[in-house]
Amino acid sequence: MSTKVSATEAARKLSDLLSRVRYRGETFTIVRAGEEVCQMVPTTPRGMTLRGLRETLASIPEPDDEFPDDLVRIRSEQPPAEPSWPS
């Protein structure tokens, strides 16, 4: 969920907003003249909060009954893995 902030307020509180994005994982939508202009979002997962993780996991749909069979099929279609380390 993103908090809406006016462009004027964002300019006045930029340092605080950046800290909240970085350390709390919050997101902000910047609004100018009533129009949404941009969003401030964390760039790395390091800023994810437990609440954010819970919301993300809750948004992922449950796998259907064919999911295990799909995994077996996908694995059988993959070529053998090449070692990635030097010999």
PDB file of N, CA and C in Angstrom:
ATOM      1  N   MET A   1       0.847  -1.172   0.000  1.00  0.00           N
ATOM      2  CA  MET A   1       0.000   0.000   0.000  1.00  0.00           C
ATOM      3  C   MET A   1       0.892   1.235   0.000  1.00  0.00           C
ATOM      4  N   SER A   2       0.585   2.171  -0.860  1.00  0.00           N
ATOM      5  CA  SER A   2       1.381   3.376  -1.019  1.00  0.00           C
ATOM      6  C   SER A   2       0.672   4.571  -0.383  1.00  0.00           C
ATOM      7  N   THR A   3       1.446   5.396   0.304  1.00  0.00           N
ATOM      8  CA  THR A   3       0.909   6.613   0.908  1.00  0.00           C
ATOM      9  C   THR A   3       1.042   7.757  -0.083  1.00  0.00           C
ATOM     10  N   LYS A   4      -0.035   8.501  -0.312  1.00  0.00           N
ATOM     11  CA  LYS A   4       0.015   9.638  -1.229  1.00  0.00           C
ATOM     12  C   LYS A   4       0.579  10.859  -0.511  1.00  0.00           C
ATOM     13  N   VAL A   5       1.506  11.545  -1.203  1.00  0.00           N
ATOM     14  CA  VAL A   5       2.167  12.722  -0.650  1.00  0.00           C
ATOM     15  C   VAL A   5       2.200  13.786  -1.742  1.00  0.00           C
ATOM     16  N   SER A   6       1.862  15.021  -1.389  1.00  0.00           N
ATOM     17  CA  SER A   6       1.927  16.096  -2.377  1.00  0.00           C
ATOM     18  C   SER A   6       3.388  16.364  -2.733  1.00  0.00           C
ATOM     19  N   ALA A   7       3.606  16.903  -3.912  1.00  0.00           N
ATOM     20  CA  ALA A   7       4.971  17.227  -4.349  1.00  0.00           C
ATOM     21  C   ALA A   7       5.611  18.240  -3.405  1.00  0.00           C
ATOM     22  N   THR A   8       4.830  19.178  -2.922  1.00  0.00           N
ATOM     23  CA  THR A   8       5.350  20.179  -1.988  1.00  0.00           C
ATOM     24  C   THR A   8       5.811  19.521  -0.688  1.00  0.00           C
ATOM     25  N   GLU A   9       4.972  18.642  -0.143  1.00  0.00           N
ATOM     26  CA  GLU A   9       5.332  17.952   1.095  1.00  0.00           C
ATOM     27  C   GLU A   9       6.546  17.044   0.869  1.00  0.00           C
ATOM     28  N   ALA A  10       6.611  16.377  -0.279  1.00  0.00           N
ATOM     29  CA  ALA A  10       7.751  15.514  -0.594  1.00  0.00           C
ATOM     30  C   ALA A  10       9.043  16.328  -0.644  1.00  0.00           C
ATOM     31  N   ALA A  11       8.977  17.516  -1.218  1.00  0.00           N
ATOM     32  CA  ALA A  11      10.168  18.371  -1.290  1.00  0.00           C
ATOM     33  C   ALA A  11      10.603  18.807   0.108  1.00  0.00           C
ATOM     34  N   ARG A  12       9.649  19.126   0.954  1.00  0.00           N
ATOM     35  CA  ARG A  12       9.974  19.575   2.306  1.00  0.00           C
ATOM     36  C   ARG A  12      10.490  18.445   3.197  1.00  0.00           C
ATOM     37  N   LYS A  13      10.016  17.226   2.960  1.00  0.00           N
ATOM     38  CA  LYS A  13      10.343  16.102   3.837  1.00  0.00           C
ATOM     39  C   LYS A  13      11.117  15.002   3.111  1.00  0.00           C
ATOM     40  N   LEU A  14      11.882  15.381   2.085  1.00  0.00           N
ATOM     41  CA  LEU A  14      12.561  14.375   1.259  1.00  0.00           C
ATOM     42  C   LEU A  14      13.441  13.441   2.083  1.00  0.00           C
ATOM     43  N   SER A  15      14.243  13.995   2.974  1.00  0.00           N
ATOM     44  CA  SER A  15      15.146  13.161   3.776  1.00  0.00           C
ATOM     45  C   SER A  15      14.366  12.144   4.608  1.00  0.00           C
ATOM     46  N   ASP A  16      13.291  12.583   5.242  1.00  0.00           N
ATOM     47  CA  ASP A  16      12.464  11.683   6.052  1.00  0.00           C
ATOM     48  C   ASP A  16      11.824  10.605   5.182  1.00  0.00           C
ATOM     49  N   LEU A  17      11.294  10.992   4.021  1.00  0.00           N
ATOM     50  CA  LEU A  17      10.662  10.013   3.134  1.00  0.00           C
ATOM     51  C   LEU A  17      11.680   8.977   2.662  1.00  0.00           C
ATOM     52  N   LEU A  18      12.878   9.434   2.293  1.00  0.00           N
ATOM     53  CA  LEU A  18      13.917   8.509   1.848  1.00  0.00           C
ATOM     54  C   LEU A  18      14.285   7.518   2.955  1.00  0.00           C
ATOM     55  N   SER A  19      14.364   7.999   4.189  1.00  0.00           N
ATOM     56  CA  SER A  19      14.665   7.107   5.311  1.00  0.00           C
ATOM     57  C   SER A  19      13.555   6.088   5.515  1.00  0.00           C
ATOM     58  N   ARG A  20      12.337   6.519   5.409  1.00  0.00           N
ATOM     59  CA  ARG A  20      11.206   5.598   5.589  1.00  0.00           C
ATOM     60  C   ARG A  20      11.158   4.551   4.489  1.00  0.00           C
ATOM     61  N   VAL A  21      11.493   4.955   3.266  1.00  0.00           N
ATOM     62  CA  VAL A  21      11.558   3.988   2.168  1.00  0.00           C
ATOM     63  C   VAL A  21      12.685   2.994   2.425  1.00  0.00           C
ATOM     64  N   ARG A  22      13.850   3.501   2.773  1.00  0.00           N
ATOM     65  CA  ARG A  22      15.039   2.659   2.938  1.00  0.00           C
ATOM     66  C   ARG A  22      14.944   1.725   4.139  1.00  0.00           C
ATOM     67  N   TYR A  23      14.545   2.235   5.283  1.00  0.00           N
ATOM     68  CA  TYR A  23      14.609   1.452   6.507  1.00  0.00           C
ATOM     69  C   TYR A  23      13.302   0.773   6.905  1.00  0.00           C
ATOM     70  N   ARG A  24      12.182   1.280   6.433  1.00  0.00           N
ATOM     71  CA  ARG A  24      10.897   0.674   6.783  1.00  0.00           C
ATOM     72  C   ARG A  24      10.239  -0.026   5.604  1.00  0.00           C
ATOM     73  N   GLY A  25      10.787   0.192   4.398  1.00  0.00           N
ATOM     74  CA  GLY A  25      10.206  -0.435   3.221  1.00  0.00           C
ATOM     75  C   GLY A  25       8.899   0.199   2.766  1.00  0.00           C
ATOM     76  N   GLU A  26       8.628   1.419   3.222  1.00  0.00           N
ATOM     77  CA  GLU A  26       7.388   2.102   2.841  1.00  0.00           C
ATOM     78  C   GLU A  26       7.473   2.577   1.389  1.00  0.00           C
ATOM     79  N   THR A  27       6.323   2.785   0.774  1.00  0.00           N
ATOM     80  CA  THR A  27       6.268   3.356  -0.570  1.00  0.00           C
ATOM     81  C   THR A  27       5.390   4.599  -0.541  1.00  0.00           C
ATOM     82  N   PHE A  28       5.729   5.547  -1.402  1.00  0.00           N
ATOM     83  CA  PHE A  28       4.989   6.807  -1.472  1.00  0.00           C
ATOM     84  C   PHE A  28       4.670   7.123  -2.924  1.00  0.00           C
ATOM     85  N   THR A  29       3.464   7.614  -3.150  1.00  0.00           N
ATOM     86  CA  THR A  29       3.061   8.108  -4.457  1.00  0.00           C
ATOM     87  C   THR A  29       3.061   9.627  -4.381  1.00  0.00           C
ATOM     88  N   ILE A  30       3.842  10.263  -5.256  1.00  0.00           N
ATOM     89  CA  ILE A  30       3.945  11.720  -5.265  1.00  0.00           C
ATOM     90  C   ILE A  30       2.858  12.269  -6.186  1.00  0.00           C
ATOM     91  N   VAL A  31       2.099  13.228  -5.660  1.00  0.00           N
ATOM     92  CA  VAL A  31       0.961  13.806  -6.384  1.00  0.00           C
ATOM     93  C   VAL A  31       1.207  15.292  -6.611  1.00  0.00           C
ATOM     94  N   ARG A  32       1.016  15.734  -7.856  1.00  0.00           N
ATOM     95  CA  ARG A  32       1.134  17.163  -8.187  1.00  0.00           C
ATOM     96  C   ARG A  32      -0.153  17.580  -8.895  1.00  0.00           C
ATOM     97  N   ALA A  33      -0.782  18.612  -8.382  1.00  0.00           N
ATOM     98  CA  ALA A  33      -2.030  19.142  -8.952  1.00  0.00           C
ATOM     99  C   ALA A  33      -3.080  18.040  -9.093  1.00  0.00           C
ATOM    100  N   GLY A  34      -3.139  17.158  -8.091  1.00  0.00           N
ATOM    101  CA  GLY A  34      -4.136  16.097  -8.094  1.00  0.00           C
ATOM    102  C   GLY A  34      -3.814  14.902  -8.970  1.00  0.00           C
ATOM    103  N   GLU A  35      -2.685  14.925  -9.665  1.00  0.00           N
ATOM    104  CA  GLU A  35      -2.305  13.832 -10.559  1.00  0.00           C
ATOM    105  C   GLU A  35      -1.108  13.073  -9.992  1.00  0.00           C
ATOM    106  N   GLU A  36      -1.218  11.739  -9.965  1.00  0.00           N
ATOM    107  CA  GLU A  36      -0.100  10.916  -9.519  1.00  0.00           C
ATOM    108  C   GLU A  36       1.032  11.035 -10.530  1.00  0.00           C
ATOM    109  N   VAL A  37       2.216  11.401 -10.046  1.00  0.00           N
ATOM    110  CA  VAL A  37       3.355  11.666 -10.921  1.00  0.00           C
ATOM    111  C   VAL A  37       4.381  10.539 -10.874  1.00  0.00           C
ATOM    112  N   CYS A  38       4.700  10.042  -9.678  1.00  0.00           N
ATOM    113  CA  CYS A  38       5.715   8.993  -9.547  1.00  0.00           C
ATOM    114  C   CYS A  38       5.552   8.281  -8.220  1.00  0.00           C
ATOM    115  N   GLN A  39       6.354   7.230  -8.052  1.00  0.00           N
ATOM    116  CA  GLN A  39       6.372   6.513  -6.785  1.00  0.00           C
ATOM    117  C   GLN A  39       7.795   6.422  -6.255  1.00  0.00           C
ATOM    118  N   MET A  40       7.910   6.470  -4.949  1.00  0.00           N
ATOM    119  CA  MET A  40       9.175   6.209  -4.268  1.00  0.00           C
ATOM    120  C   MET A  40       9.040   4.818  -3.679  1.00  0.00           C
ATOM    121  N   VAL A  41       9.886   3.896  -4.109  1.00  0.00           N
ATOM    122  CA  VAL A  41       9.828   2.513  -3.635  1.00  0.00           C
ATOM    123  C   VAL A  41      11.238   2.041  -3.301  1.00  0.00           C
ATOM    124  N   PRO A  42      11.379   1.067  -2.405  1.00  0.00           N
ATOM    125  CA  PRO A  42      12.709   0.526  -2.123  1.00  0.00           C
ATOM    126  C   PRO A  42      13.280  -0.148  -3.371  1.00  0.00           C
ATOM    127  N   THR A  43      14.592  -0.025  -3.556  1.00  0.00           N
ATOM    128  CA  THR A  43      15.225  -0.643  -4.719  1.00  0.00           C
ATOM    129  C   THR A  43      15.772  -2.019  -4.421  1.00  0.00           C
ATOM    130  N   THR A  44      15.925  -2.359  -3.153  1.00  0.00           N
ATOM    131  CA  THR A  44      16.468  -3.668  -2.797  1.00  0.00           C
ATOM    132  C   THR A  44      15.590  -4.313  -1.745  1.00  0.00           C
ATOM    133  N   PRO A  45      15.589  -5.638  -1.676  1.00  0.00           N
ATOM    134  CA  PRO A  45      14.782  -6.315  -0.667  1.00  0.00           C
ATOM    135  C   PRO A  45      15.226  -6.028   0.763  1.00  0.00           C
ATOM    136  N   ARG A  46      16.431  -5.460   0.954  1.00  0.00           N
ATOM    137  CA  ARG A  46      16.912  -5.196   2.314  1.00  0.00           C
ATOM    138  C   ARG A  46      15.936  -4.361   3.108  1.00  0.00           C
ATOM    139  N   GLY A  47      15.175  -3.488   2.444  1.00  0.00           N
ATOM    140  CA  GLY A  47      14.253  -2.607   3.137  1.00  0.00           C
ATOM    141  C   GLY A  47      12.895  -3.227   3.422  1.00  0.00           C
ATOM    142  N   MET A  48      12.697  -4.510   3.069  1.00  0.00           N
ATOM    143  CA  MET A  48      11.391  -5.116   3.264  1.00  0.00           C
ATOM    144  C   MET A  48      11.130  -5.352   4.750  1.00  0.00           C
ATOM    145  N   THR A  49       9.956  -4.966   5.162  1.00  0.00           N
ATOM    146  CA  THR A  49       9.545  -5.194   6.533  1.00  0.00           C
ATOM    147  C   THR A  49       8.816  -6.531   6.621  1.00  0.00           C
ATOM    148  N   LEU A  50       8.609  -7.005   7.827  1.00  0.00           N
ATOM    149  CA  LEU A  50       7.836  -8.232   7.992  1.00  0.00           C
ATOM    150  C   LEU A  50       6.411  -8.048   7.473  1.00  0.00           C
ATOM    151  N   ARG A  51       5.872  -6.868   7.670  1.00  0.00           N
ATOM    152  CA  ARG A  51       4.536  -6.584   7.143  1.00  0.00           C
ATOM    153  C   ARG A  51       4.537  -6.661   5.617  1.00  0.00           C
ATOM    154  N   GLY A  52       5.570  -6.085   5.002  1.00  0.00           N
ATOM    155  CA  GLY A  52       5.676  -6.144   3.549  1.00  0.00           C
ATOM    156  C   GLY A  52       5.823  -7.559   3.046  1.00  0.00           C
ATOM    157  N   LEU A  53       6.615  -8.374   3.755  1.00  0.00           N
ATOM    158  CA  LEU A  53       6.770  -9.773   3.378  1.00  0.00           C
ATOM    159  C   LEU A  53       5.443 -10.505   3.494  1.00  0.00           C
ATOM    160  N   ARG A  54       4.731 -10.271   4.586  1.00  0.00           N
ATOM    161  CA  ARG A  54       3.426 -10.912   4.787  1.00  0.00           C
ATOM    162  C   ARG A  54       2.459 -10.531   3.668  1.00  0.00           C
ATOM    163  N   GLU A  55       2.431  -9.253   3.297  1.00  0.00           N
ATOM    164  CA  GLU A  55       1.529  -8.807   2.229  1.00  0.00           C
ATOM    165  C   GLU A  55       1.919  -9.418   0.890  1.00  0.00           C
ATOM    166  N   THR A  56       3.233  -9.500   0.629  1.00  0.00           N
ATOM    167  CA  THR A  56       3.687 -10.092  -0.621  1.00  0.00           C
ATOM    168  C   THR A  56       3.319 -11.565  -0.685  1.00  0.00           C
ATOM    169  N   LEU A  57       3.590 -12.293   0.378  1.00  0.00           N
ATOM    170  CA  LEU A  57       3.268 -13.727   0.392  1.00  0.00           C
ATOM    171  C   LEU A  57       1.762 -13.961   0.293  1.00  0.00           C
ATOM    172  N   ALA A  58       0.971 -13.103   0.919  1.00  0.00           N
ATOM    173  CA  ALA A  58      -0.486 -13.255   0.870  1.00  0.00           C
ATOM    174  C   ALA A  58      -1.029 -13.003  -0.534  1.00  0.00           C
ATOM    175  N   SER A  59      -0.297 -12.247  -1.353  1.00  0.00           N
ATOM    176  CA  SER A  59      -0.782 -11.934  -2.704  1.00  0.00           C
ATOM    177  C   SER A  59      -0.462 -13.029  -3.718  1.00  0.00           C
ATOM    178  N   ILE A  60       0.371 -13.997  -3.332  1.00  0.00           N
ATOM    179  CA  ILE A  60       0.733 -15.083  -4.250  1.00  0.00           C
ATOM    180  C   ILE A  60      -0.387 -16.118  -4.232  1.00  0.00           C
ATOM    181  N   PRO A  61      -0.907 -16.487  -5.409  1.00  0.00           N
ATOM    182  CA  PRO A  61      -2.004 -17.458  -5.415  1.00  0.00           C
ATOM    183  C   PRO A  61      -1.525 -18.851  -4.989  1.00  0.00           C
ATOM    184  N   GLU A  62      -2.439 -19.609  -4.427  1.00  0.00           N
ATOM    185  CA  GLU A  62      -2.149 -20.991  -4.043  1.00  0.00           C
ATOM    186  C   GLU A  62      -1.919 -21.822  -5.315  1.00  0.00           C
ATOM    187  N   PRO A  63      -0.957 -22.759  -5.278  1.00  0.00           N
ATOM    188  CA  PRO A  63      -0.777 -23.619  -6.453  1.00  0.00           C
ATOM    189  C   PRO A  63      -1.978 -24.549  -6.619  1.00  0.00           C
ATOM    190  N   ASP A  64      -2.275 -24.894  -7.878  1.00  0.00           N
ATOM    191  CA  ASP A  64      -3.390 -25.797  -8.121  1.00  0.00           C
ATOM    192  C   ASP A  64      -2.943 -27.251  -7.946  1.00  0.00           C
ATOM    193  N   ASP A  65      -3.872 -28.185  -8.101  1.00  0.00           N
ATOM    194  CA  ASP A  65      -3.585 -29.602  -7.872  1.00  0.00           C
ATOM    195  C   ASP A  65      -2.581 -30.174  -8.869  1.00  0.00           C
ATOM    196  N   GLU A  66      -2.429 -29.548 -10.027  1.00  0.00           N
ATOM    197  CA  GLU A  66      -1.496 -30.041 -11.042  1.00  0.00           C
ATOM    198  C   GLU A  66      -0.070 -29.542 -10.821  1.00  0.00           C
ATOM    199  N   PHE A  67       0.146 -28.691  -9.846  1.00  0.00           N
ATOM    200  CA  PHE A  67       1.461 -28.090  -9.625  1.00  0.00           C
ATOM    201  C   PHE A  67       2.579 -29.122  -9.456  1.00  0.00           C
ATOM    202  N   PRO A  68       2.422 -30.149  -8.614  1.00  0.00           N
ATOM    203  CA  PRO A  68       3.512 -31.133  -8.483  1.00  0.00           C
ATOM    204  C   PRO A  68       3.840 -31.816  -9.817  1.00  0.00           C
ATOM    205  N   ASP A  69       2.800 -32.154 -10.590  1.00  0.00           N
ATOM    206  CA  ASP A  69       3.036 -32.781 -11.897  1.00  0.00           C
ATOM    207  C   ASP A  69       3.752 -31.819 -12.843  1.00  0.00           C
ATOM    208  N   ASP A  70       3.409 -30.535 -12.768  1.00  0.00           N
ATOM    209  CA  ASP A  70       4.084 -29.529 -13.596  1.00  0.00           C
ATOM    210  C   ASP A  70       5.572 -29.477 -13.260  1.00  0.00           C
ATOM    211  N   LEU A  71       5.905 -29.534 -11.969  1.00  0.00           N
ATOM    212  CA  LEU A  71       7.311 -29.499 -11.570  1.00  0.00           C
ATOM    213  C   LEU A  71       8.074 -30.707 -12.093  1.00  0.00           C
ATOM    214  N   VAL A  72       7.468 -31.883 -12.008  1.00  0.00           N
ATOM    215  CA  VAL A  72       8.113 -33.100 -12.517  1.00  0.00           C
ATOM    216  C   VAL A  72       8.338 -32.973 -14.022  1.00  0.00           C
ATOM    217  N   ARG A  73       7.339 -32.478 -14.746  1.00  0.00           N
ATOM    218  CA  ARG A  73       7.460 -32.321 -16.202  1.00  0.00           C
ATOM    219  C   ARG A  73       8.550 -31.319 -16.555  1.00  0.00           C
ATOM    220  N   ILE A  74       8.564 -30.178 -15.876  1.00  0.00           N
ATOM    221  CA  ILE A  74       9.563 -29.150 -16.161  1.00  0.00           C
ATOM    222  C   ILE A  74      10.959 -29.683 -15.898  1.00  0.00           C
ATOM    223  N   ARG A  75      11.117 -30.375 -14.785  1.00  0.00           N
ATOM    224  CA  ARG A  75      12.445 -30.922 -14.457  1.00  0.00           C
ATOM    225  C   ARG A  75      12.889 -31.933 -15.493  1.00  0.00           C
ATOM    226  N   SER A  76      11.972 -32.774 -15.978  1.00  0.00           N
ATOM    227  CA  SER A  76      12.341 -33.789 -16.969  1.00  0.00           C
ATOM    228  C   SER A  76      12.710 -33.173 -18.317  1.00  0.00           C
ATOM    229  N   GLU A  77      12.215 -31.977 -18.592  1.00  0.00           N
ATOM    230  CA  GLU A  77      12.514 -31.303 -19.864  1.00  0.00           C
ATOM    231  C   GLU A  77      13.809 -30.506 -19.836  1.00  0.00           C
ATOM    232  N   GLN A  78      14.419 -30.352 -18.667  1.00  0.00           N
ATOM    233  CA  GLN A  78      15.642 -29.560 -18.552  1.00  0.00           C
ATOM    234  C   GLN A  78      16.860 -30.388 -18.948  1.00  0.00           C
ATOM    235  N   PRO A  79      17.799 -29.777 -19.668  1.00  0.00           N
ATOM    236  CA  PRO A  79      19.040 -30.501 -19.982  1.00  0.00           C
ATOM    237  C   PRO A  79      19.870 -30.683 -18.714  1.00  0.00           C
ATOM    238  N   PRO A  80      20.773 -31.661 -18.734  1.00  0.00           N
ATOM    239  CA  PRO A  80      21.636 -31.841 -17.550  1.00  0.00           C
ATOM    240  C   PRO A  80      22.446 -30.568 -17.283  1.00  0.00           C
ATOM    241  N   ALA A  81      22.631 -30.271 -16.017  1.00  0.00           N
ATOM    242  CA  ALA A  81      23.367 -29.069 -15.635  1.00  0.00           C
ATOM    243  C   ALA A  81      24.846 -29.266 -15.888  1.00  0.00           C
ATOM    244  N   GLU A  82      25.473 -28.229 -16.431  1.00  0.00           N
ATOM    245  CA  GLU A  82      26.935 -28.214 -16.616  1.00  0.00           C
ATOM    246  C   GLU A  82      27.551 -27.676 -15.345  1.00  0.00           C
ATOM    247  N   PRO A  83      28.694 -28.255 -14.916  1.00  0.00           N
ATOM    248  CA  PRO A  83      29.354 -27.690 -13.743  1.00  0.00           C
ATOM    249  C   PRO A  83      29.758 -26.228 -14.015  1.00  0.00           C
ATOM    250  N   SER A  84      29.568 -25.384 -13.044  1.00  0.00           N
ATOM    251  CA  SER A  84      29.876 -23.973 -13.231  1.00  0.00           C
ATOM    252  C   SER A  84      31.233 -23.591 -12.649  1.00  0.00           C
ATOM    253  N   TRP A  85      31.958 -24.528 -12.091  1.00  0.00           N
ATOM    254  CA  TRP A  85      33.267 -24.249 -11.524  1.00  0.00           C
ATOM    255  C   TRP A  85      34.368 -24.767 -12.445  1.00  0.00           C
ATOM    256  N   PRO A  86      35.562 -24.201 -12.371  1.00  0.00           N
ATOM    257  CA  PRO A  86      36.642 -24.650 -13.245  1.00  0.00           C
ATOM    258  C   PRO A  86      37.094 -26.069 -12.881  1.00  0.00           C
ATOM    259  N   SER A  87      37.524 -26.813 -13.894  1.00  0.00           N
ATOM    260  CA  SER A  87      37.981 -28.182 -13.687  1.00  0.00           C
ATOM    261  C   SER A  87      39.398 -28.208 -13.154  1.00  0.00           C
TER     262      SER A  87
END
